[in-house]
Amino acid sequence: MKKVNSIFQLLTALFFGIGLVYFLTYEKMWGGTPLTGEVVSWLLAGLVIYLITWGTSWGYVSSLNSRIKKIELEKKDLKALVFDLERGGKVNPVERKTEVSKDDTESSVIKPRENFK
């Protein structure tokens, strides 16, 4: 993805560089001024190339950001695991079990509050 992004950026710069040289030397080469339609078509083609370049760079950056988020979540999980392993010998882990009674299931959908100590 990085290579594709670099290629499109180079293509955009090359296109606008060639367009600049073309329009600066147009009068000397053909003895007149460029037509409006020709200039507009060059600018529209440049806009399309620029939008493609912007889209590829946005996609590349978003893929890097998603990879960073995944790695950060994995890092947090590993830190929590190390913390649990370090404290595992000192403090017994608290087991939380929910007790379901017949009154709770019949009376309402909302479960009563449970206090864990």
PDB file of N, CA and C in Angstrom:
ATOM      1  N   MET A   1       0.836  -1.194   0.000  1.00  0.00           N
ATOM      2  CA  MET A   1       0.000   0.000   0.000  1.00  0.00           C
ATOM      3  C   MET A   1       0.874   1.247   0.000  1.00  0.00           C
ATOM      4  N   LYS A   2       1.988   1.187   0.738  1.00  0.00           N
ATOM      5  CA  LYS A   2       2.868   2.343   0.798  1.00  0.00           C
ATOM      6  C   LYS A   2       3.471   2.625  -0.576  1.00  0.00           C
ATOM      7  N   LYS A   3       3.802   1.569  -1.309  1.00  0.00           N
ATOM      8  CA  LYS A   3       4.397   1.742  -2.626  1.00  0.00           C
ATOM      9  C   LYS A   3       3.388   2.357  -3.602  1.00  0.00           C
ATOM     10  N   VAL A   4       2.136   1.902  -3.535  1.00  0.00           N
ATOM     11  CA  VAL A   4       1.087   2.453  -4.406  1.00  0.00           C
ATOM     12  C   VAL A   4       0.872   3.927  -4.092  1.00  0.00           C
ATOM     13  N   ASN A   5       0.861   4.270  -2.808  1.00  0.00           N
ATOM     14  CA  ASN A   5       0.696   5.659  -2.393  1.00  0.00           C
ATOM     15  C   ASN A   5       1.839   6.516  -2.930  1.00  0.00           C
ATOM     16  N   SER A   6       3.057   6.023  -2.834  1.00  0.00           N
ATOM     17  CA  SER A   6       4.214   6.775  -3.330  1.00  0.00           C
ATOM     18  C   SER A   6       4.153   6.950  -4.842  1.00  0.00           C
ATOM     19  N   ILE A   7       3.706   5.917  -5.545  1.00  0.00           N
ATOM     20  CA  ILE A   7       3.604   6.002  -7.007  1.00  0.00           C
ATOM     21  C   ILE A   7       2.576   7.055  -7.408  1.00  0.00           C
ATOM     22  N   PHE A   8       1.427   7.074  -6.743  1.00  0.00           N
ATOM     23  CA  PHE A   8       0.407   8.072  -7.078  1.00  0.00           C
ATOM     24  C   PHE A   8       0.862   9.491  -6.738  1.00  0.00           C
ATOM     25  N   GLN A   9       1.592   9.668  -5.650  1.00  0.00           N
ATOM     26  CA  GLN A   9       2.114  10.998  -5.325  1.00  0.00           C
ATOM     27  C   GLN A   9       3.118  11.453  -6.376  1.00  0.00           C
ATOM     28  N   LEU A  10       3.977  10.548  -6.812  1.00  0.00           N
ATOM     29  CA  LEU A  10       4.943  10.878  -7.857  1.00  0.00           C
ATOM     30  C   LEU A  10       4.234  11.188  -9.170  1.00  0.00           C
ATOM     31  N   LEU A  11       3.209  10.422  -9.495  1.00  0.00           N
ATOM     32  CA  LEU A  11       2.440  10.650 -10.713  1.00  0.00           C
ATOM     33  C   LEU A  11       1.748  12.013 -10.687  1.00  0.00           C
ATOM     34  N   THR A  12       1.203  12.404  -9.554  1.00  0.00           N
ATOM     35  CA  THR A  12       0.551  13.712  -9.427  1.00  0.00           C
ATOM     36  C   THR A  12       1.552  14.841  -9.612  1.00  0.00           C
ATOM     37  N   ALA A  13       2.695  14.738  -8.955  1.00  0.00           N
ATOM     38  CA  ALA A  13       3.719  15.778  -9.088  1.00  0.00           C
ATOM     39  C   ALA A  13       4.228  15.855 -10.521  1.00  0.00           C
ATOM     40  N   LEU A  14       4.434  14.704 -11.144  1.00  0.00           N
ATOM     41  CA  LEU A  14       4.910  14.672 -12.527  1.00  0.00           C
ATOM     42  C   LEU A  14       3.879  15.271 -13.477  1.00  0.00           C
ATOM     43  N   PHE A  15       2.604  14.964 -13.273  1.00  0.00           N
ATOM     44  CA  PHE A  15       1.552  15.494 -14.132  1.00  0.00           C
ATOM     45  C   PHE A  15       1.496  17.018 -14.063  1.00  0.00           C
ATOM     46  N   PHE A  16       1.501  17.560 -12.840  1.00  0.00           N
ATOM     47  CA  PHE A  16       1.424  19.013 -12.723  1.00  0.00           C
ATOM     48  C   PHE A  16       2.716  19.685 -13.180  1.00  0.00           C
ATOM     49  N   GLY A  17       3.850  19.031 -13.035  1.00  0.00           N
ATOM     50  CA  GLY A  17       5.109  19.577 -13.548  1.00  0.00           C
ATOM     51  C   GLY A  17       5.108  19.640 -15.066  1.00  0.00           C
ATOM     52  N   ILE A  18       4.662  18.566 -15.706  1.00  0.00           N
ATOM     53  CA  ILE A  18       4.572  18.558 -17.172  1.00  0.00           C
ATOM     54  C   ILE A  18       3.552  19.588 -17.643  1.00  0.00           C
ATOM     55  N   GLY A  19       2.440  19.700 -16.949  1.00  0.00           N
ATOM     56  CA  GLY A  19       1.430  20.698 -17.309  1.00  0.00           C
ATOM     57  C   GLY A  19       1.961  22.117 -17.193  1.00  0.00           C
ATOM     58  N   LEU A  20       2.748  22.383 -16.152  1.00  0.00           N
ATOM     59  CA  LEU A  20       3.336  23.710 -15.982  1.00  0.00           C
ATOM     60  C   LEU A  20       4.286  24.037 -17.127  1.00  0.00           C
ATOM     61  N   VAL A  21       5.166  23.104 -17.455  1.00  0.00           N
ATOM     62  CA  VAL A  21       6.109  23.331 -18.559  1.00  0.00           C
ATOM     63  C   VAL A  21       5.354  23.467 -19.876  1.00  0.00           C
ATOM     64  N   TYR A  22       4.341  22.658 -20.084  1.00  0.00           N
ATOM     65  CA  TYR A  22       3.560  22.697 -21.317  1.00  0.00           C
ATOM     66  C   TYR A  22       2.888  24.054 -21.503  1.00  0.00           C
ATOM     67  N   PHE A  23       2.255  24.569 -20.470  1.00  0.00           N
ATOM     68  CA  PHE A  23       1.543  25.838 -20.613  1.00  0.00           C
ATOM     69  C   PHE A  23       2.479  27.039 -20.610  1.00  0.00           C
ATOM     70  N   LEU A  24       3.642  26.928 -19.974  1.00  0.00           N
ATOM     71  CA  LEU A  24       4.600  28.032 -20.037  1.00  0.00           C
ATOM     72  C   LEU A  24       5.254  28.137 -21.415  1.00  0.00           C
ATOM     73  N   THR A  25       5.434  27.020 -22.093  1.00  0.00           N
ATOM     74  CA  THR A  25       6.088  27.033 -23.411  1.00  0.00           C
ATOM     75  C   THR A  25       5.087  26.946 -24.562  1.00  0.00           C
ATOM     76  N   TYR A  26       3.804  27.012 -24.282  1.00  0.00           N
ATOM     77  CA  TYR A  26       2.778  26.842 -25.310  1.00  0.00           C
ATOM     78  C   TYR A  26       2.868  27.921 -26.389  1.00  0.00           C
ATOM     79  N   GLU A  27       3.045  29.165 -25.976  1.00  0.00           N
ATOM     80  CA  GLU A  27       3.059  30.271 -26.941  1.00  0.00           C
ATOM     81  C   GLU A  27       4.258  30.180 -27.878  1.00  0.00           C
ATOM     82  N   LYS A  28       5.418  29.791 -27.350  1.00  0.00           N
ATOM     83  CA  LYS A  28       6.615  29.692 -28.187  1.00  0.00           C
ATOM     84  C   LYS A  28       6.540  28.489 -29.125  1.00  0.00           C
ATOM     85  N   MET A  29       5.914  27.410 -28.686  1.00  0.00           N
ATOM     86  CA  MET A  29       5.873  26.200 -29.503  1.00  0.00           C
ATOM     87  C   MET A  29       4.808  26.272 -30.595  1.00  0.00           C
ATOM     88  N   TRP A  30       3.630  26.795 -30.298  1.00  0.00           N
ATOM     89  CA  TRP A  30       2.534  26.789 -31.256  1.00  0.00           C
ATOM     90  C   TRP A  30       2.108  28.187 -31.706  1.00  0.00           C
ATOM     91  N   GLY A  31       2.724  29.208 -31.182  1.00  0.00           N
ATOM     92  CA  GLY A  31       2.465  30.557 -31.652  1.00  0.00           C
ATOM     93  C   GLY A  31       1.103  31.113 -31.276  1.00  0.00           C
ATOM     94  N   GLY A  32       0.508  30.680 -30.228  1.00  0.00           N
ATOM     95  CA  GLY A  32      -0.787  31.190 -29.794  1.00  0.00           C
ATOM     96  C   GLY A  32      -1.003  30.882 -28.323  1.00  0.00           C
ATOM     97  N   THR A  33      -2.167  31.259 -27.838  1.00  0.00           N
ATOM     98  CA  THR A  33      -2.490  30.975 -26.439  1.00  0.00           C
ATOM     99  C   THR A  33      -3.310  29.688 -26.369  1.00  0.00           C
ATOM    100  N   PRO A  34      -3.216  28.978 -25.264  1.00  0.00           N
ATOM    101  CA  PRO A  34      -3.993  27.731 -25.146  1.00  0.00           C
ATOM    102  C   PRO A  34      -5.488  28.027 -25.027  1.00  0.00           C
ATOM    103  N   LEU A  35      -6.289  27.130 -25.551  1.00  0.00           N
ATOM    104  CA  LEU A  35      -7.733  27.287 -25.494  1.00  0.00           C
ATOM    105  C   LEU A  35      -8.243  26.990 -24.084  1.00  0.00           C
ATOM    106  N   THR A  36      -9.375  27.576 -23.760  1.00  0.00           N
ATOM    107  CA  THR A  36      -9.946  27.412 -22.426  1.00  0.00           C
ATOM    108  C   THR A  36     -10.302  25.952 -22.148  1.00  0.00           C
ATOM    109  N   GLY A  37     -10.852  25.285 -23.120  1.00  0.00           N
ATOM    110  CA  GLY A  37     -11.223  23.880 -22.950  1.00  0.00           C
ATOM    111  C   GLY A  37     -10.023  22.997 -22.662  1.00  0.00           C
ATOM    112  N   GLU A  38      -8.906  23.318 -23.289  1.00  0.00           N
ATOM    113  CA  GLU A  38      -7.686  22.542 -23.066  1.00  0.00           C
ATOM    114  C   GLU A  38      -7.179  22.719 -21.632  1.00  0.00           C
ATOM    115  N   VAL A  39      -7.213  23.952 -21.149  1.00  0.00           N
ATOM    116  CA  VAL A  39      -6.767  24.230 -19.778  1.00  0.00           C
ATOM    117  C   VAL A  39      -7.693  23.544 -18.773  1.00  0.00           C
ATOM    118  N   VAL A  40      -8.996  23.633 -19.021  1.00  0.00           N
ATOM    119  CA  VAL A  40      -9.960  23.017 -18.113  1.00  0.00           C
ATOM    120  C   VAL A  40      -9.786  21.500 -18.096  1.00  0.00           C
ATOM    121  N   SER A  41      -9.565  20.896 -19.255  1.00  0.00           N
ATOM    122  CA  SER A  41      -9.384  19.440 -19.288  1.00  0.00           C
ATOM    123  C   SER A  41      -8.111  19.028 -18.550  1.00  0.00           C
ATOM    124  N   TRP A  42      -7.035  19.806 -18.672  1.00  0.00           N
ATOM    125  CA  TRP A  42      -5.805  19.521 -17.919  1.00  0.00           C
ATOM    126  C   TRP A  42      -6.062  19.629 -16.416  1.00  0.00           C
ATOM    127  N   LEU A  43      -6.778  20.671 -16.011  1.00  0.00           N
ATOM    128  CA  LEU A  43      -7.050  20.845 -14.584  1.00  0.00           C
ATOM    129  C   LEU A  43      -7.969  19.750 -14.038  1.00  0.00           C
ATOM    130  N   LEU A  44      -8.964  19.332 -14.811  1.00  0.00           N
ATOM    131  CA  LEU A  44      -9.843  18.254 -14.360  1.00  0.00           C
ATOM    132  C   LEU A  44      -9.099  16.926 -14.257  1.00  0.00           C
ATOM    133  N   ALA A  45      -8.227  16.664 -15.232  1.00  0.00           N
ATOM    134  CA  ALA A  45      -7.422  15.440 -15.157  1.00  0.00           C
ATOM    135  C   ALA A  45      -6.506  15.490 -13.935  1.00  0.00           C
ATOM    136  N   GLY A  46      -5.928  16.652 -13.668  1.00  0.00           N
ATOM    137  CA  GLY A  46      -5.085  16.810 -12.483  1.00  0.00           C
ATOM    138  C   GLY A  46      -5.874  16.641 -11.200  1.00  0.00           C
ATOM    139  N   LEU A  47      -7.103  17.146 -11.175  1.00  0.00           N
ATOM    140  CA  LEU A  47      -7.956  16.988  -9.998  1.00  0.00           C
ATOM    141  C   LEU A  47      -8.280  15.520  -9.744  1.00  0.00           C
ATOM    142  N   VAL A  48      -8.570  14.786 -10.807  1.00  0.00           N
ATOM    143  CA  VAL A  48      -8.869  13.359 -10.662  1.00  0.00           C
ATOM    144  C   VAL A  48      -7.649  12.611 -10.131  1.00  0.00           C
ATOM    145  N   ILE A  49      -6.486  12.903 -10.677  1.00  0.00           N
ATOM    146  CA  ILE A  49      -5.255  12.251 -10.202  1.00  0.00           C
ATOM    147  C   ILE A  49      -4.988  12.630  -8.753  1.00  0.00           C
ATOM    148  N   TYR A  50      -5.206  13.890  -8.408  1.00  0.00           N
ATOM    149  CA  TYR A  50      -4.993  14.323  -7.026  1.00  0.00           C
ATOM    150  C   TYR A  50      -5.960  13.625  -6.072  1.00  0.00           C
ATOM    151  N   LEU A  51      -7.231  13.488  -6.456  1.00  0.00           N
ATOM    152  CA  LEU A  51      -8.211  12.820  -5.598  1.00  0.00           C
ATOM    153  C   LEU A  51      -7.876  11.340  -5.410  1.00  0.00           C
ATOM    154  N   ILE A  52      -7.379  10.698  -6.466  1.00  0.00           N
ATOM    155  CA  ILE A  52      -6.949   9.304  -6.336  1.00  0.00           C
ATOM    156  C   ILE A  52      -5.776   9.214  -5.374  1.00  0.00           C
ATOM    157  N   THR A  53      -4.837  10.148  -5.491  1.00  0.00           N
ATOM    158  CA  THR A  53      -3.683  10.168  -4.592  1.00  0.00           C
ATOM    159  C   THR A  53      -4.125  10.407  -3.161  1.00  0.00           C
ATOM    160  N   TRP A  54      -5.034  11.343  -2.963  1.00  0.00           N
ATOM    161  CA  TRP A  54      -5.535  11.633  -1.620  1.00  0.00           C
ATOM    162  C   TRP A  54      -6.250  10.421  -1.037  1.00  0.00           C
ATOM    163  N   GLY A  55      -7.042   9.732  -1.850  1.00  0.00           N
ATOM    164  CA  GLY A  55      -7.749   8.543  -1.384  1.00  0.00           C
ATOM    165  C   GLY A  55      -6.804   7.419  -0.989  1.00  0.00           C
ATOM    166  N   THR A  56      -5.762   7.203  -1.781  1.00  0.00           N
ATOM    167  CA  THR A  56      -4.812   6.143  -1.429  1.00  0.00           C
ATOM    168  C   THR A  56      -4.035   6.496  -0.170  1.00  0.00           C
ATOM    169  N   SER A  57      -3.670   7.764  -0.014  1.00  0.00           N
ATOM    170  CA  SER A  57      -2.941   8.148   1.200  1.00  0.00           C
ATOM    171  C   SER A  57      -3.856   8.061   2.420  1.00  0.00           C
ATOM    172  N   TRP A  58      -5.130   8.416   2.275  1.00  0.00           N
ATOM    173  CA  TRP A  58      -6.077   8.297   3.384  1.00  0.00           C
ATOM    174  C   TRP A  58      -6.264   6.832   3.764  1.00  0.00           C
ATOM    175  N   GLY A  59      -6.366   5.962   2.765  1.00  0.00           N
ATOM    176  CA  GLY A  59      -6.500   4.534   3.039  1.00  0.00           C
ATOM    177  C   GLY A  59      -5.276   3.968   3.732  1.00  0.00           C
ATOM    178  N   TYR A  60      -4.108   4.403   3.304  1.00  0.00           N
ATOM    179  CA  TYR A  60      -2.866   3.928   3.917  1.00  0.00           C
ATOM    180  C   TYR A  60      -2.776   4.381   5.371  1.00  0.00           C
ATOM    181  N   VAL A  61      -3.104   5.642   5.628  1.00  0.00           N
ATOM    182  CA  VAL A  61      -3.037   6.171   6.996  1.00  0.00           C
ATOM    183  C   VAL A  61      -4.079   5.491   7.885  1.00  0.00           C
ATOM    184  N   SER A  62      -5.274   5.261   7.365  1.00  0.00           N
ATOM    185  CA  SER A  62      -6.301   4.609   8.180  1.00  0.00           C
ATOM    186  C   SER A  62      -5.933   3.159   8.482  1.00  0.00           C
ATOM    187  N   SER A  63      -5.278   2.480   7.542  1.00  0.00           N
ATOM    188  CA  SER A  63      -4.847   1.106   7.828  1.00  0.00           C
ATOM    189  C   SER A  63      -3.756   1.096   8.887  1.00  0.00           C
ATOM    190  N   LEU A  64      -2.870   2.083   8.849  1.00  0.00           N
ATOM    191  CA  LEU A  64      -1.841   2.179   9.890  1.00  0.00           C
ATOM    192  C   LEU A  64      -2.466   2.486  11.245  1.00  0.00           C
ATOM    193  N   ASN A  65      -3.461   3.375  11.269  1.00  0.00           N
ATOM    194  CA  ASN A  65      -4.132   3.703  12.533  1.00  0.00           C
ATOM    195  C   ASN A  65      -4.864   2.495  13.108  1.00  0.00           C
ATOM    196  N   SER A  66      -5.505   1.711  12.264  1.00  0.00           N
ATOM    197  CA  SER A  66      -6.193   0.518  12.767  1.00  0.00           C
ATOM    198  C   SER A  66      -5.189  -0.501  13.290  1.00  0.00           C
ATOM    199  N   ARG A  67      -4.053  -0.615  12.631  1.00  0.00           N
ATOM    200  CA  ARG A  67      -3.015  -1.526  13.120  1.00  0.00           C
ATOM    201  C   ARG A  67      -2.474  -1.049  14.464  1.00  0.00           C
ATOM    202  N   ILE A  68      -2.309   0.258  14.615  1.00  0.00           N
ATOM    203  CA  ILE A  68      -1.832   0.818  15.887  1.00  0.00           C
ATOM    204  C   ILE A  68      -2.841   0.537  16.998  1.00  0.00           C
ATOM    205  N   LYS A  69      -4.132   0.714  16.719  1.00  0.00           N
ATOM    206  CA  LYS A  69      -5.159   0.453  17.732  1.00  0.00           C
ATOM    207  C   LYS A  69      -5.161  -1.012  18.151  1.00  0.00           C
ATOM    208  N   LYS A  70      -5.008  -1.920  17.183  1.00  0.00           N
ATOM    209  CA  LYS A  70      -4.972  -3.342  17.514  1.00  0.00           C
ATOM    210  C   LYS A  70      -3.773  -3.663  18.394  1.00  0.00           C
ATOM    211  N   ILE A  71      -2.630  -3.091  18.070  1.00  0.00           N
ATOM    212  CA  ILE A  71      -1.424  -3.347  18.856  1.00  0.00           C
ATOM    213  C   ILE A  71      -1.566  -2.762  20.252  1.00  0.00           C
ATOM    214  N   GLU A  72      -2.181  -1.575  20.376  1.00  0.00           N
ATOM    215  CA  GLU A  72      -2.385  -0.979  21.696  1.00  0.00           C
ATOM    216  C   GLU A  72      -3.342  -1.818  22.543  1.00  0.00           C
ATOM    217  N   LEU A  73      -4.401  -2.355  21.938  1.00  0.00           N
ATOM    218  CA  LEU A  73      -5.312  -3.230  22.678  1.00  0.00           C
ATOM    219  C   LEU A  73      -4.601  -4.504  23.132  1.00  0.00           C
ATOM    220  N   GLU A  74      -3.779  -5.050  22.252  1.00  0.00           N
ATOM    221  CA  GLU A  74      -3.016  -6.242  22.620  1.00  0.00           C
ATOM    222  C   GLU A  74      -2.040  -5.929  23.753  1.00  0.00           C
ATOM    223  N   LYS A  75      -1.445  -4.747  23.701  1.00  0.00           N
ATOM    224  CA  LYS A  75      -0.516  -4.322  24.755  1.00  0.00           C
ATOM    225  C   LYS A  75      -1.245  -4.193  26.092  1.00  0.00           C
ATOM    226  N   LYS A  76      -2.442  -3.601  26.068  1.00  0.00           N
ATOM    227  CA  LYS A  76      -3.226  -3.468  27.301  1.00  0.00           C
ATOM    228  C   LYS A  76      -3.600  -4.835  27.860  1.00  0.00           C
ATOM    229  N   ASP A  77      -3.986  -5.759  26.979  1.00  0.00           N
ATOM    230  CA  ASP A  77      -4.325  -7.106  27.432  1.00  0.00           C
ATOM    231  C   ASP A  77      -3.123  -7.798  28.060  1.00  0.00           C
ATOM    232  N   LEU A  78      -1.958  -7.630  27.442  1.00  0.00           N
ATOM    233  CA  LEU A  78      -0.751  -8.245  27.999  1.00  0.00           C
ATOM    234  C   LEU A  78      -0.375  -7.625  29.340  1.00  0.00           C
ATOM    235  N   LYS A  79      -0.543  -6.302  29.467  1.00  0.00           N
ATOM    236  CA  LYS A  79      -0.265  -5.649  30.749  1.00  0.00           C
ATOM    237  C   LYS A  79      -1.215  -6.158  31.830  1.00  0.00           C
ATOM    238  N   ALA A  80      -2.487  -6.317  31.473  1.00  0.00           N
ATOM    239  CA  ALA A  80      -3.460  -6.829  32.439  1.00  0.00           C
ATOM    240  C   ALA A  80      -3.126  -8.265  32.829  1.00  0.00           C
ATOM    241  N   LEU A  81      -2.687  -9.065  31.868  1.00  0.00           N
ATOM    242  CA  LEU A  81      -2.314 -10.441  32.157  1.00  0.00           C
ATOM    243  C   LEU A  81      -1.104 -10.498  33.080  1.00  0.00           C
ATOM    244  N   VAL A  82      -0.098  -9.671  32.810  1.00  0.00           N
ATOM    245  CA  VAL A  82       1.088  -9.622  33.669  1.00  0.00           C
ATOM    246  C   VAL A  82       0.705  -9.160  35.069  1.00  0.00           C
ATOM    247  N   PHE A  83      -0.153  -8.167  35.161  1.00  0.00           N
ATOM    248  CA  PHE A  83      -0.607  -7.678  36.466  1.00  0.00           C
ATOM    249  C   PHE A  83      -1.339  -8.778  37.223  1.00  0.00           C
ATOM    250  N   ASP A  84      -2.214  -9.500  36.524  1.00  0.00           N
ATOM    251  CA  ASP A  84      -2.944 -10.592  37.168  1.00  0.00           C
ATOM    252  C   ASP A  84      -2.004 -11.706  37.614  1.00  0.00           C
ATOM    253  N   LEU A  85      -1.005 -12.004  36.791  1.00  0.00           N
ATOM    254  CA  LEU A  85      -0.059 -13.057  37.163  1.00  0.00           C
ATOM    255  C   LEU A  85       0.796 -12.652  38.355  1.00  0.00           C
ATOM    256  N   GLU A  86       1.177 -11.373  38.410  1.00  0.00           N
ATOM    257  CA  GLU A  86       1.978 -10.894  39.540  1.00  0.00           C
ATOM    258  C   GLU A  86       1.171 -10.914  40.832  1.00  0.00           C
ATOM    259  N   ARG A  87      -0.079 -10.565  40.773  1.00  0.00           N
ATOM    260  CA  ARG A  87      -0.920 -10.499  41.966  1.00  0.00           C
ATOM    261  C   ARG A  87      -1.614 -11.821  42.245  1.00  0.00           C
ATOM    262  N   GLY A  88      -1.499 -12.764  41.346  1.00  0.00           N
ATOM    263  CA  GLY A  88      -2.193 -14.042  41.491  1.00  0.00           C
ATOM    264  C   GLY A  88      -1.772 -14.812  42.722  1.00  0.00           C
ATOM    265  N   GLY A  89      -0.505 -14.769  43.092  1.00  0.00           N
ATOM    266  CA  GLY A  89      -0.038 -15.491  44.264  1.00  0.00           C
ATOM    267  C   GLY A  89      -0.419 -14.808  45.551  1.00  0.00           C
ATOM    268  N   LYS A  90      -0.598 -13.532  45.550  1.00  0.00           N
ATOM    269  CA  LYS A  90      -0.882 -12.768  46.768  1.00  0.00           C
ATOM    270  C   LYS A  90      -2.370 -12.725  47.089  1.00  0.00           C
ATOM    271  N   VAL A  91      -3.191 -12.483  46.102  1.00  0.00           N
ATOM    272  CA  VAL A  91      -4.625 -12.314  46.311  1.00  0.00           C
ATOM    273  C   VAL A  91      -5.357 -13.329  45.445  1.00  0.00           C
ATOM    274  N   ASN A  92      -6.299 -14.037  46.063  1.00  0.00           N
ATOM    275  CA  ASN A  92      -7.094 -14.988  45.293  1.00  0.00           C
ATOM    276  C   ASN A  92      -8.088 -14.229  44.422  1.00  0.00           C
ATOM    277  N   PRO A  93      -8.234 -14.643  43.185  1.00  0.00           N
ATOM    278  CA  PRO A  93      -9.196 -13.944  42.327  1.00  0.00           C
ATOM    279  C   PRO A  93     -10.621 -14.153  42.820  1.00  0.00           C
ATOM    280  N   VAL A  94     -11.416 -13.118  42.713  1.00  0.00           N
ATOM    281  CA  VAL A  94     -12.797 -13.151  43.177  1.00  0.00           C
ATOM    282  C   VAL A  94     -13.654 -13.775  42.087  1.00  0.00           C
ATOM    283  N   GLU A  95     -14.388 -14.801  42.470  1.00  0.00           N
ATOM    284  CA  GLU A  95     -15.290 -15.433  41.517  1.00  0.00           C
ATOM    285  C   GLU A  95     -16.675 -14.841  41.693  1.00  0.00           C
ATOM    286  N   ARG A  96     -17.226 -14.392  40.609  1.00  0.00           N
ATOM    287  CA  ARG A  96     -18.541 -13.759  40.658  1.00  0.00           C
ATOM    288  C   ARG A  96     -19.538 -14.678  39.969  1.00  0.00           C
ATOM    289  N   LYS A  97     -20.488 -15.116  40.740  1.00  0.00           N
ATOM    290  CA  LYS A  97     -21.532 -15.975  40.183  1.00  0.00           C
ATOM    291  C   LYS A  97     -22.870 -15.278  40.379  1.00  0.00           C
ATOM    292  N   THR A  98     -23.664 -15.313  39.361  1.00  0.00           N
ATOM    293  CA  THR A  98     -24.990 -14.714  39.464  1.00  0.00           C
ATOM    294  C   THR A  98     -25.985 -15.802  39.825  1.00  0.00           C
ATOM    295  N   GLU A  99     -26.797 -15.515  40.791  1.00  0.00           N
ATOM    296  CA  GLU A  99     -27.819 -16.453  41.223  1.00  0.00           C
ATOM    297  C   GLU A  99     -29.147 -16.039  40.613  1.00  0.00           C
ATOM    298  N   VAL A 100     -29.781 -16.972  39.973  1.00  0.00           N
ATOM    299  CA  VAL A 100     -31.058 -16.694  39.334  1.00  0.00           C
ATOM    300  C   VAL A 100     -32.153 -17.365  40.157  1.00  0.00           C
ATOM    301  N   SER A 101     -33.084 -16.564  40.631  1.00  0.00           N
ATOM    302  CA  SER A 101     -34.214 -17.111  41.382  1.00  0.00           C
ATOM    303  C   SER A 101     -35.462 -17.078  40.514  1.00  0.00           C
ATOM    304  N   LYS A 102     -36.470 -17.804  40.941  1.00  0.00           N
ATOM    305  CA  LYS A 102     -37.700 -17.864  40.164  1.00  0.00           C
ATOM    306  C   LYS A 102     -38.437 -16.536  40.167  1.00  0.00           C
ATOM    307  N   ASP A 103     -38.303 -15.781  41.253  1.00  0.00           N
ATOM    308  CA  ASP A 103     -38.995 -14.497  41.346  1.00  0.00           C
ATOM    309  C   ASP A 103     -38.439 -13.496  40.338  1.00  0.00           C
ATOM    310  N   ASP A 104     -37.135 -13.547  40.120  1.00  0.00           N
ATOM    311  CA  ASP A 104     -36.506 -12.591  39.205  1.00  0.00           C
ATOM    312  C   ASP A 104     -36.933 -12.836  37.764  1.00  0.00           C
ATOM    313  N   THR A 105     -37.026 -14.067  37.382  1.00  0.00           N
ATOM    314  CA  THR A 105     -37.373 -14.351  35.992  1.00  0.00           C
ATOM    315  C   THR A 105     -38.840 -14.095  35.704  1.00  0.00           C
ATOM    316  N   GLU A 106     -39.685 -14.238  36.691  1.00  0.00           N
ATOM    317  CA  GLU A 106     -41.111 -14.077  36.458  1.00  0.00           C
ATOM    318  C   GLU A 106     -41.576 -12.633  36.588  1.00  0.00           C
ATOM    319  N   SER A 107     -40.995 -11.876  37.503  1.00  0.00           N
ATOM    320  CA  SER A 107     -41.544 -10.562  37.809  1.00  0.00           C
ATOM    321  C   SER A 107     -41.202  -9.504  36.753  1.00  0.00           C
ATOM    322  N   SER A 108     -39.944  -9.391  36.357  1.00  0.00           N
ATOM    323  CA  SER A 108     -39.590  -8.344  35.402  1.00  0.00           C
ATOM    324  C   SER A 108     -38.344  -8.745  34.618  1.00  0.00           C
ATOM    325  N   VAL A 109     -38.039  -7.923  33.662  1.00  0.00           N
ATOM    326  CA  VAL A 109     -36.866  -8.168  32.836  1.00  0.00           C
ATOM    327  C   VAL A 109     -35.616  -7.610  33.504  1.00  0.00           C
ATOM    328  N   ILE A 110     -35.759  -6.575  34.296  1.00  0.00           N
ATOM    329  CA  ILE A 110     -34.623  -5.922  34.938  1.00  0.00           C
ATOM    330  C   ILE A 110     -34.172  -6.750  36.127  1.00  0.00           C
ATOM    331  N   LYS A 111     -32.891  -7.067  36.158  1.00  0.00           N
ATOM    332  CA  LYS A 111     -32.344  -7.852  37.258  1.00  0.00           C
ATOM    333  C   LYS A 111     -32.047  -6.934  38.435  1.00  0.00           C
ATOM    334  N   PRO A 112     -32.202  -7.439  39.651  1.00  0.00           N
ATOM    335  CA  PRO A 112     -31.884  -6.605  40.810  1.00  0.00           C
ATOM    336  C   PRO A 112     -30.380  -6.391  40.928  1.00  0.00           C
ATOM    337  N   ARG A 113     -30.021  -5.356  41.623  1.00  0.00           N
ATOM    338  CA  ARG A 113     -28.622  -5.002  41.800  1.00  0.00           C
ATOM    339  C   ARG A 113     -27.941  -6.007  42.714  1.00  0.00           C
ATOM    340  N   GLU A 114     -26.713  -6.394  42.356  1.00  0.00           N
ATOM    341  CA  GLU A 114     -25.949  -7.327  43.165  1.00  0.00           C
ATOM    342  C   GLU A 114     -24.744  -6.606  43.731  1.00  0.00           C
ATOM    343  N   ASN A 115     -24.487  -6.812  45.004  1.00  0.00           N
ATOM    344  CA  ASN A 115     -23.321  -6.207  45.644  1.00  0.00           C
ATOM    345  C   ASN A 115     -22.264  -7.284  45.824  1.00  0.00           C
ATOM    346  N   PHE A 116     -21.111  -7.066  45.221  1.00  0.00           N
ATOM    347  CA  PHE A 116     -20.000  -7.997  45.355  1.00  0.00           C
ATOM    348  C   PHE A 116     -19.030  -7.457  46.379  1.00  0.00           C
ATOM    349  N   LYS A 117     -18.564  -8.327  47.261  1.00  0.00           N
ATOM    350  CA  LYS A 117     -17.599  -7.893  48.268  1.00  0.00           C
ATOM    351  C   LYS A 117     -16.336  -8.679  48.149  1.00  0.00           C
TER     352      LYS A 117
END
